[in-house]
């Protein structure tokens, strides 16, 4: 599990001129990952509901 986490989290120690740069970079990466995970969950639930609906008829 720790190896998978390293694939998604950057371990580079970047120095930003302002503290806001660190917050924006962290927030942006979290936002992008959140969108990707949400789309995967939505599509899997949509596919599951599509299969259940087709079995009912």
Protein backbone atom coordinates (compact mmCIF):
# COMPACT_ATOMS: atom_id res chain seq x y z
CA UNK A 1 0.00 0.00 0.00
CA UNK A 2 2.84 2.41 0.75
CA UNK A 3 4.23 1.89 -2.76
CA UNK A 4 0.91 2.83 -4.34
CA UNK A 5 0.69 5.96 -2.21
CA UNK A 6 4.13 7.06 -3.44
CA UNK A 7 2.88 6.90 -7.04
CA UNK A 8 0.23 9.53 -6.36
CA UNK A 9 2.02 11.77 -3.86
CA UNK A 10 5.03 13.74 -4.94
CA UNK A 11 7.97 13.43 -2.58
CA UNK A 12 9.89 16.34 -4.09
CA UNK A 13 10.57 19.14 -1.67
CA UNK A 14 9.75 22.21 -3.70
CA UNK A 15 10.30 25.64 -2.29
CA UNK A 16 7.68 28.23 -3.12
CA UNK A 17 8.25 31.93 -2.80
CA UNK A 18 5.00 32.38 -0.87
CA UNK A 19 3.14 30.02 1.44
CA UNK A 20 0.09 30.42 -0.82
CA UNK A 21 1.95 28.57 -3.59
CA UNK A 22 2.23 25.48 -1.42
CA UNK A 23 -1.45 25.60 -0.50
CA UNK A 24 -2.55 26.08 -4.12
CA UNK A 25 -0.34 23.25 -5.40
CA UNK A 26 -1.57 20.91 -2.68
CA UNK A 27 -5.21 21.88 -3.19
CA UNK A 28 -5.01 21.55 -6.95
CA UNK A 29 -3.54 18.04 -6.81
CA UNK A 30 -6.17 17.00 -4.27
CA UNK A 31 -8.92 18.47 -6.42
CA UNK A 32 -7.73 16.60 -9.51
CA UNK A 33 -7.49 13.30 -7.63
CA UNK A 34 -10.95 13.89 -6.17
CA UNK A 35 -12.44 14.42 -9.61
CA UNK A 36 -10.78 11.27 -10.95
CA UNK A 37 -12.00 9.14 -8.03
CA UNK A 38 -15.51 10.61 -8.27
CA UNK A 39 -15.71 9.85 -11.99
CA UNK A 40 -14.55 6.27 -11.42
CA UNK A 41 -17.16 5.73 -8.68
CA UNK A 42 -19.91 7.37 -10.74
CA UNK A 43 -19.14 5.30 -13.83
CA UNK A 44 -18.96 2.06 -11.87
CA UNK A 45 -22.31 2.77 -10.20
CA UNK A 46 -23.83 3.77 -13.54
CA UNK A 47 -22.57 0.56 -15.12
CA UNK A 48 -23.87 -1.50 -12.20
CA UNK A 49 -27.30 0.11 -12.37
CA UNK A 50 -27.37 -0.43 -16.13
CA UNK A 51 -26.69 -4.16 -15.66
CA UNK A 52 -29.32 -4.51 -12.93
CA UNK A 53 -31.90 -2.71 -15.06
CA UNK A 54 -31.18 -4.95 -18.05
CA UNK A 55 -31.60 -8.07 -15.88
CA UNK A 56 -35.03 -6.92 -14.67
CA UNK A 57 -36.45 -6.86 -18.18
